[in-house]
Amino acid sequence: MELKDEILIDAPKERVYAALNDPEILKQCIPGCEELIQHSDTELEAKVVLKIGPVKAKFSGNVTLDKSGAPDAFSLTGQGNGGAAGHAKGGADVTLTEVDGKTMLTYEARAEIGGKLAQLGSRLIQGTAKKLAGAFFTKFAEVITETAEV
């Protein structure tokens, strides 16, 4: 499964990049996130509860960041286990481009799922993934705009 999108955020690129590396901001924005622990500059651990169709699962997973192209671009890879519900692994490439004092955030994400989740059908999974990504970026843009006004 692959997802691509872009969102214009009303904040300078440096602020957007810093927020994408702030575990407290990310925890507020990730749908269903119960816990987000930063183990190092490039290693995070997350606990997330998600409901996808009839399946509700608590995922525990690890995310690794590759900041070699920062602050213009970075990538992340991760994997999570939802117990009987299944497992997921994937990654995303994120590009930040400054546009008139705002930031265009573009991402391309890919994921593979297994277990009960894989049996739900690709249309439901794809639709839920798009909805979750949309919820994350909408909340992320709101949080950045709020912190800029404080």
N, C-alpha and C. Protein backbone atom coordinates (compact mmCIF):
# COMPACT_ATOMS: atom_id res chain seq x y z
N MET A 1 0.84 -1.17 0.00
CA MET A 1 0.00 0.00 0.00
C MET A 1 0.89 1.23 0.00
N GLU A 2 0.50 2.23 -0.81
CA GLU A 2 1.26 3.47 -0.86
C GLU A 2 0.33 4.67 -0.70
N LEU A 3 0.81 5.70 -0.03
CA LEU A 3 0.08 6.95 0.15
C LEU A 3 1.00 8.10 -0.21
N LYS A 4 0.44 9.13 -0.85
CA LYS A 4 1.19 10.35 -1.15
C LYS A 4 0.27 11.51 -0.90
N ASP A 5 0.84 12.60 -0.40
CA ASP A 5 0.04 13.80 -0.22
C ASP A 5 0.97 14.96 0.08
N GLU A 6 0.40 16.15 0.09
CA GLU A 6 1.15 17.32 0.50
C GLU A 6 0.21 18.25 1.24
N ILE A 7 0.80 19.02 2.15
CA ILE A 7 0.00 19.95 2.94
C ILE A 7 0.84 21.22 3.13
N LEU A 8 0.18 22.36 3.00
CA LEU A 8 0.85 23.64 3.20
C LEU A 8 0.64 24.05 4.66
N ILE A 9 1.73 24.25 5.37
CA ILE A 9 1.68 24.59 6.79
C ILE A 9 2.13 26.04 6.96
N ASP A 10 1.35 26.80 7.70
CA ASP A 10 1.61 28.22 7.89
C ASP A 10 2.68 28.44 8.96
N ALA A 11 3.90 28.01 8.64
CA ALA A 11 5.04 28.17 9.54
C ALA A 11 6.31 28.00 8.71
N PRO A 12 7.41 28.62 9.14
CA PRO A 12 8.67 28.46 8.41
C PRO A 12 9.19 27.02 8.51
N LYS A 13 9.99 26.65 7.52
CA LYS A 13 10.51 25.28 7.43
C LYS A 13 11.23 24.84 8.70
N GLU A 14 12.04 25.71 9.29
CA GLU A 14 12.80 25.33 10.50
C GLU A 14 11.86 24.93 11.63
N ARG A 15 10.73 25.66 11.79
CA ARG A 15 9.79 25.34 12.85
C ARG A 15 9.08 24.00 12.56
N VAL A 16 8.73 23.77 11.31
CA VAL A 16 8.06 22.52 10.93
C VAL A 16 9.01 21.35 11.18
N TYR A 17 10.26 21.49 10.76
CA TYR A 17 11.24 20.42 10.97
C TYR A 17 11.43 20.14 12.46
N ALA A 18 11.58 21.20 13.26
CA ALA A 18 11.75 21.02 14.71
C ALA A 18 10.55 20.30 15.31
N ALA A 19 9.34 20.66 14.88
CA ALA A 19 8.13 20.03 15.41
C ALA A 19 8.05 18.55 15.03
N LEU A 20 8.51 18.22 13.83
CA LEU A 20 8.50 16.81 13.40
C LEU A 20 9.50 15.97 14.19
N ASN A 21 10.38 16.63 14.93
CA ASN A 21 11.35 15.94 15.76
C ASN A 21 11.06 16.08 17.25
N ASP A 22 9.89 16.60 17.59
CA ASP A 22 9.50 16.82 18.98
C ASP A 22 8.50 15.75 19.40
N PRO A 23 8.91 14.81 20.27
CA PRO A 23 8.02 13.71 20.66
C PRO A 23 6.70 14.19 21.28
N GLU A 24 6.72 15.29 22.03
CA GLU A 24 5.48 15.79 22.65
C GLU A 24 4.48 16.26 21.59
N ILE A 25 4.97 16.95 20.57
CA ILE A 25 4.08 17.41 19.49
C ILE A 25 3.57 16.20 18.70
N LEU A 26 4.46 15.27 18.38
CA LEU A 26 4.04 14.09 17.62
C LEU A 26 3.00 13.28 18.37
N LYS A 27 3.19 13.13 19.69
CA LYS A 27 2.23 12.36 20.50
C LYS A 27 0.84 12.98 20.42
N GLN A 28 0.76 14.32 20.44
CA GLN A 28 -0.53 15.01 20.33
C GLN A 28 -1.20 14.76 18.98
N CYS A 29 -0.39 14.56 17.95
CA CYS A 29 -0.91 14.52 16.58
C CYS A 29 -1.19 13.11 16.04
N ILE A 30 -0.51 12.11 16.56
CA ILE A 30 -0.69 10.74 16.06
C ILE A 30 -2.00 10.19 16.59
N PRO A 31 -2.94 9.84 15.69
CA PRO A 31 -4.23 9.29 16.15
C PRO A 31 -4.03 8.04 17.01
N GLY A 32 -4.66 8.03 18.18
CA GLY A 32 -4.61 6.86 19.07
C GLY A 32 -3.31 6.68 19.82
N CYS A 33 -2.40 7.65 19.76
CA CYS A 33 -1.10 7.50 20.42
C CYS A 33 -1.26 7.60 21.93
N GLU A 34 -0.84 6.55 22.64
CA GLU A 34 -0.89 6.55 24.10
C GLU A 34 0.46 6.90 24.70
N GLU A 35 1.52 6.55 23.98
CA GLU A 35 2.86 6.76 24.52
C GLU A 35 3.84 6.91 23.36
N LEU A 36 4.77 7.85 23.49
CA LEU A 36 5.83 8.03 22.50
C LEU A 36 7.10 8.35 23.26
N ILE A 37 8.06 7.44 23.17
CA ILE A 37 9.31 7.56 23.92
C ILE A 37 10.45 7.75 22.94
N GLN A 38 11.25 8.78 23.18
CA GLN A 38 12.43 9.02 22.35
C GLN A 38 13.62 8.37 23.02
N HIS A 39 14.20 7.35 22.37
CA HIS A 39 15.36 6.65 22.93
C HIS A 39 16.67 7.31 22.51
N SER A 40 16.67 7.95 21.35
CA SER A 40 17.85 8.67 20.88
C SER A 40 17.39 9.70 19.86
N ASP A 41 18.33 10.36 19.23
CA ASP A 41 18.01 11.37 18.23
C ASP A 41 17.29 10.76 17.02
N THR A 42 17.48 9.46 16.80
CA THR A 42 16.89 8.82 15.62
C THR A 42 16.00 7.61 15.95
N GLU A 43 15.80 7.29 17.23
CA GLU A 43 15.02 6.11 17.61
C GLU A 43 13.85 6.50 18.50
N LEU A 44 12.63 6.07 18.10
CA LEU A 44 11.42 6.32 18.88
C LEU A 44 10.68 5.00 19.09
N GLU A 45 9.95 4.94 20.19
CA GLU A 45 9.09 3.79 20.48
C GLU A 45 7.68 4.33 20.72
N ALA A 46 6.69 3.68 20.10
CA ALA A 46 5.32 4.17 20.21
C ALA A 46 4.37 3.06 20.63
N LYS A 47 3.31 3.48 21.35
CA LYS A 47 2.19 2.60 21.66
C LYS A 47 0.94 3.33 21.17
N VAL A 48 0.23 2.69 20.24
CA VAL A 48 -0.90 3.31 19.57
C VAL A 48 -2.08 2.34 19.55
N VAL A 49 -3.28 2.86 19.85
CA VAL A 49 -4.49 2.06 19.76
C VAL A 49 -5.27 2.53 18.53
N LEU A 50 -5.59 1.58 17.64
CA LEU A 50 -6.30 1.91 16.41
C LEU A 50 -7.48 0.97 16.21
N LYS A 51 -8.53 1.52 15.61
CA LYS A 51 -9.68 0.70 15.21
C LYS A 51 -9.75 0.78 13.70
N ILE A 52 -9.60 -0.36 13.07
CA ILE A 52 -9.66 -0.44 11.61
C ILE A 52 -10.79 -1.40 11.28
N GLY A 53 -11.88 -0.85 10.78
CA GLY A 53 -13.06 -1.68 10.54
C GLY A 53 -13.49 -2.30 11.86
N PRO A 54 -13.69 -3.63 11.87
CA PRO A 54 -14.12 -4.29 13.10
C PRO A 54 -12.97 -4.64 14.05
N VAL A 55 -11.74 -4.38 13.65
CA VAL A 55 -10.58 -4.79 14.44
C VAL A 55 -10.01 -3.60 15.22
N LYS A 56 -9.95 -3.76 16.54
CA LYS A 56 -9.32 -2.74 17.39
C LYS A 56 -8.07 -3.39 17.97
N ALA A 57 -6.96 -2.69 17.83
CA ALA A 57 -5.71 -3.29 18.29
C ALA A 57 -4.80 -2.24 18.92
N LYS A 58 -3.99 -2.71 19.85
CA LYS A 58 -2.96 -1.87 20.46
C LYS A 58 -1.63 -2.29 19.84
N PHE A 59 -1.01 -1.34 19.15
CA PHE A 59 0.26 -1.61 18.49
C PHE A 59 1.41 -1.06 19.33
N SER A 60 2.46 -1.83 19.39
CA SER A 60 3.72 -1.38 19.96
C SER A 60 4.72 -1.44 18.83
N GLY A 61 5.48 -0.37 18.67
CA GLY A 61 6.42 -0.38 17.56
C GLY A 61 7.59 0.55 17.75
N ASN A 62 8.53 0.42 16.84
CA ASN A 62 9.73 1.24 16.84
C ASN A 62 9.84 1.97 15.52
N VAL A 63 10.34 3.20 15.59
CA VAL A 63 10.54 4.02 14.40
C VAL A 63 11.98 4.50 14.40
N THR A 64 12.62 4.42 13.23
CA THR A 64 13.98 4.91 13.05
C THR A 64 13.97 6.02 12.03
N LEU A 65 14.59 7.14 12.37
CA LEU A 65 14.65 8.30 11.47
C LEU A 65 16.00 8.35 10.76
N ASP A 66 15.97 8.73 9.49
CA ASP A 66 17.20 8.98 8.73
C ASP A 66 17.19 10.47 8.41
N LYS A 67 18.03 11.22 9.12
CA LYS A 67 18.04 12.68 8.98
C LYS A 67 19.16 13.18 8.07
N SER A 68 19.72 12.31 7.25
CA SER A 68 20.87 12.70 6.44
C SER A 68 20.56 13.84 5.47
N GLY A 69 19.29 14.02 5.06
CA GLY A 69 18.94 15.10 4.15
C GLY A 69 18.32 16.30 4.84
N ALA A 70 18.32 16.31 6.18
CA ALA A 70 17.65 17.35 6.96
C ALA A 70 18.31 18.71 6.76
N PRO A 71 17.55 19.79 6.89
CA PRO A 71 16.13 19.88 7.21
C PRO A 71 15.20 19.85 5.98
N ASP A 72 15.78 19.68 4.78
CA ASP A 72 14.96 19.68 3.57
C ASP A 72 14.19 18.37 3.37
N ALA A 73 14.77 17.28 3.83
CA ALA A 73 14.14 15.98 3.64
C ALA A 73 14.63 15.01 4.70
N PHE A 74 13.80 14.04 5.03
CA PHE A 74 14.23 12.95 5.89
C PHE A 74 13.31 11.77 5.63
N SER A 75 13.70 10.63 6.12
CA SER A 75 12.86 9.45 5.94
C SER A 75 12.76 8.73 7.27
N LEU A 76 11.75 7.89 7.36
CA LEU A 76 11.56 7.09 8.56
C LEU A 76 11.11 5.70 8.18
N THR A 77 11.49 4.75 8.99
CA THR A 77 11.04 3.38 8.81
C THR A 77 10.58 2.87 10.16
N GLY A 78 9.63 1.97 10.15
CA GLY A 78 9.14 1.45 11.41
C GLY A 78 8.41 0.15 11.25
N GLN A 79 8.17 -0.47 12.38
CA GLN A 79 7.37 -1.69 12.40
C GLN A 79 6.64 -1.76 13.72
N GLY A 80 5.46 -2.35 13.67
CA GLY A 80 4.65 -2.47 14.87
C GLY A 80 3.96 -3.81 14.94
N ASN A 81 3.65 -4.22 16.15
CA ASN A 81 2.98 -5.49 16.37
C ASN A 81 1.70 -5.23 17.15
N GLY A 82 0.59 -5.73 16.61
CA GLY A 82 -0.71 -5.57 17.25
C GLY A 82 -1.23 -6.86 17.83
N GLY A 83 -0.34 -7.77 18.18
CA GLY A 83 -0.77 -9.05 18.74
C GLY A 83 -1.60 -9.85 17.75
N ALA A 84 -2.75 -10.34 18.20
CA ALA A 84 -3.61 -11.17 17.35
C ALA A 84 -4.14 -10.41 16.14
N ALA A 85 -4.20 -9.09 16.23
CA ALA A 85 -4.73 -8.28 15.12
C ALA A 85 -3.78 -8.29 13.93
N GLY A 86 -2.50 -8.46 14.20
CA GLY A 86 -1.55 -8.50 13.09
C GLY A 86 -0.37 -7.59 13.32
N HIS A 87 0.31 -7.32 12.23
CA HIS A 87 1.51 -6.50 12.31
C HIS A 87 1.59 -5.59 11.09
N ALA A 88 2.42 -4.58 11.21
CA ALA A 88 2.61 -3.65 10.10
C ALA A 88 4.06 -3.19 10.08
N LYS A 89 4.54 -2.91 8.88
CA LYS A 89 5.86 -2.29 8.76
C LYS A 89 5.82 -1.39 7.54
N GLY A 90 6.65 -0.37 7.58
CA GLY A 90 6.65 0.55 6.46
C GLY A 90 7.58 1.70 6.69
N GLY A 91 7.39 2.72 5.87
CA GLY A 91 8.25 3.89 5.98
C GLY A 91 7.66 5.04 5.20
N ALA A 92 8.33 6.18 5.29
CA ALA A 92 7.89 7.37 4.58
C ALA A 92 9.08 8.25 4.27
N ASP A 93 8.97 8.95 3.15
CA ASP A 93 9.94 9.97 2.78
C ASP A 93 9.22 11.30 2.86
N VAL A 94 9.80 12.25 3.57
CA VAL A 94 9.19 13.55 3.79
C VAL A 94 10.11 14.63 3.22
N THR A 95 9.51 15.57 2.48
CA THR A 95 10.25 16.69 1.92
C THR A 95 9.61 17.99 2.40
N LEU A 96 10.43 18.93 2.84
CA LEU A 96 9.95 20.23 3.29
C LEU A 96 10.50 21.30 2.34
N THR A 97 9.59 22.12 1.80
CA THR A 97 9.98 23.18 0.88
C THR A 97 9.37 24.49 1.36
N GLU A 98 10.21 25.51 1.52
CA GLU A 98 9.72 26.82 1.95
C GLU A 98 9.03 27.52 0.78
N VAL A 99 7.81 28.03 1.03
CA VAL A 99 7.03 28.73 0.01
C VAL A 99 6.46 30.00 0.65
N ASP A 100 7.05 31.14 0.35
CA ASP A 100 6.58 32.43 0.87
C ASP A 100 6.38 32.43 2.39
N GLY A 101 7.37 31.95 3.13
CA GLY A 101 7.29 31.95 4.58
C GLY A 101 6.49 30.81 5.17
N LYS A 102 5.88 30.00 4.31
CA LYS A 102 5.14 28.81 4.76
C LYS A 102 5.94 27.58 4.33
N THR A 103 5.48 26.41 4.71
CA THR A 103 6.20 25.18 4.37
C THR A 103 5.27 24.19 3.67
N MET A 104 5.69 23.73 2.51
CA MET A 104 4.99 22.65 1.81
C MET A 104 5.61 21.34 2.27
N LEU A 105 4.82 20.54 2.96
CA LEU A 105 5.27 19.23 3.42
C LEU A 105 4.70 18.20 2.45
N THR A 106 5.59 17.45 1.82
CA THR A 106 5.19 16.40 0.89
C THR A 106 5.66 15.07 1.45
N TYR A 107 4.79 14.06 1.39
CA TYR A 107 5.23 12.75 1.87
C TYR A 107 4.80 11.64 0.93
N GLU A 108 5.60 10.60 0.90
CA GLU A 108 5.28 9.36 0.21
C GLU A 108 5.51 8.25 1.23
N ALA A 109 4.45 7.52 1.53
CA ALA A 109 4.53 6.47 2.55
C ALA A 109 4.17 5.12 1.94
N ARG A 110 4.75 4.09 2.48
CA ARG A 110 4.42 2.73 2.05
C ARG A 110 4.32 1.84 3.28
N ALA A 111 3.43 0.86 3.20
CA ALA A 111 3.24 -0.03 4.35
C ALA A 111 2.86 -1.42 3.89
N GLU A 112 3.23 -2.37 4.70
CA GLU A 112 2.84 -3.77 4.50
C GLU A 112 2.19 -4.22 5.79
N ILE A 113 1.08 -4.95 5.67
CA ILE A 113 0.40 -5.45 6.86
C ILE A 113 0.20 -6.95 6.76
N GLY A 114 0.03 -7.57 7.93
CA GLY A 114 -0.20 -9.01 7.98
C GLY A 114 -1.14 -9.34 9.12
N GLY A 115 -1.57 -10.58 9.18
CA GLY A 115 -2.48 -11.01 10.24
C GLY A 115 -3.93 -10.67 9.91
N LYS A 116 -4.76 -10.54 10.96
CA LYS A 116 -6.18 -10.23 10.77
C LYS A 116 -6.39 -8.97 9.95
N LEU A 117 -5.53 -7.97 10.15
CA LEU A 117 -5.66 -6.71 9.42
C LEU A 117 -5.62 -6.93 7.91
N ALA A 118 -4.74 -7.82 7.47
CA ALA A 118 -4.59 -8.06 6.03
C ALA A 118 -5.85 -8.69 5.44
N GLN A 119 -6.65 -9.33 6.26
CA GLN A 119 -7.87 -9.98 5.78
C GLN A 119 -9.04 -9.00 5.60
N LEU A 120 -8.88 -7.76 6.06
CA LEU A 120 -9.97 -6.79 6.00
C LEU A 120 -10.22 -6.26 4.60
N GLY A 121 -9.25 -6.39 3.74
CA GLY A 121 -9.43 -5.90 2.38
C GLY A 121 -8.69 -4.59 2.17
N SER A 122 -8.10 -4.49 1.00
CA SER A 122 -7.22 -3.35 0.73
C SER A 122 -7.97 -2.02 0.68
N ARG A 123 -9.23 -2.02 0.24
CA ARG A 123 -9.97 -0.75 0.16
C ARG A 123 -10.21 -0.16 1.55
N LEU A 124 -10.58 -1.00 2.51
CA LEU A 124 -10.80 -0.53 3.88
C LEU A 124 -9.48 -0.06 4.50
N ILE A 125 -8.43 -0.83 4.30
CA ILE A 125 -7.12 -0.47 4.85
C ILE A 125 -6.63 0.84 4.23
N GLN A 126 -6.72 0.96 2.91
CA GLN A 126 -6.26 2.17 2.22
C GLN A 126 -7.06 3.38 2.69
N GLY A 127 -8.38 3.23 2.79
CA GLY A 127 -9.23 4.33 3.23
C GLY A 127 -8.91 4.75 4.66
N THR A 128 -8.70 3.79 5.54
CA THR A 128 -8.37 4.09 6.92
C THR A 128 -7.00 4.76 7.01
N ALA A 129 -6.04 4.27 6.24
CA ALA A 129 -4.70 4.86 6.25
C ALA A 129 -4.75 6.32 5.79
N LYS A 130 -5.51 6.59 4.74
CA LYS A 130 -5.64 7.98 4.26
C LYS A 130 -6.29 8.86 5.32
N LYS A 131 -7.32 8.33 5.98
CA LYS A 131 -8.01 9.08 7.02
C LYS A 131 -7.07 9.38 8.20
N LEU A 132 -6.29 8.39 8.62
CA LEU A 132 -5.36 8.57 9.73
C LEU A 132 -4.25 9.57 9.37
N ALA A 133 -3.72 9.46 8.15
CA ALA A 133 -2.68 10.39 7.71
C ALA A 133 -3.25 11.81 7.66
N GLY A 134 -4.46 11.94 7.13
CA GLY A 134 -5.11 13.25 7.07
C GLY A 134 -5.32 13.83 8.45
N ALA A 135 -5.75 12.98 9.40
CA ALA A 135 -5.97 13.43 10.78
C ALA A 135 -4.65 13.89 11.41
N PHE A 136 -3.58 13.14 11.16
CA PHE A 136 -2.28 13.52 11.71
C PHE A 136 -1.85 14.88 11.19
N PHE A 137 -1.87 15.07 9.88
CA PHE A 137 -1.35 16.31 9.31
C PHE A 137 -2.24 17.51 9.61
N THR A 138 -3.54 17.31 9.71
CA THR A 138 -4.44 18.41 10.09
C THR A 138 -4.12 18.85 11.51
N LYS A 139 -4.00 17.89 12.43
CA LYS A 139 -3.68 18.21 13.83
C LYS A 139 -2.28 18.82 13.93
N PHE A 140 -1.33 18.29 13.18
CA PHE A 140 0.04 18.78 13.19
C PHE A 140 0.07 20.26 12.76
N ALA A 141 -0.64 20.59 11.69
CA ALA A 141 -0.69 21.97 11.21
C ALA A 141 -1.32 22.88 12.27
N GLU A 142 -2.38 22.39 12.94
CA GLU A 142 -3.03 23.18 14.00
C GLU A 142 -2.07 23.44 15.16
N VAL A 143 -1.37 22.41 15.60
CA VAL A 143 -0.46 22.53 16.75
C VAL A 143 0.67 23.50 16.42
N ILE A 144 1.24 23.40 15.23
CA ILE A 144 2.33 24.31 14.84
C ILE A 144 1.83 25.75 14.78
N THR A 145 0.65 25.95 14.23
CA THR A 145 0.10 27.30 14.13
C THR A 145 -0.18 27.87 15.52
N GLU A 146 -0.71 27.03 16.42
CA GLU A 146 -0.98 27.47 17.81
C GLU A 146 0.30 27.85 18.53
N THR A 147 1.35 27.01 18.39
CA THR A 147 2.60 27.31 19.09
C THR A 147 3.27 28.55 18.51
N ALA A 148 3.02 28.84 17.25
CA ALA A 148 3.61 30.04 16.62
C ALA A 148 2.93 31.31 17.17
N GLU A 149 1.67 31.19 17.56
CA GLU A 149 0.91 32.36 18.04
C GLU A 149 1.17 32.66 19.51
N VAL A 150 1.72 31.70 20.24
CA VAL A 150 1.96 31.89 21.68
C VAL A 150 3.15 32.77 21.93
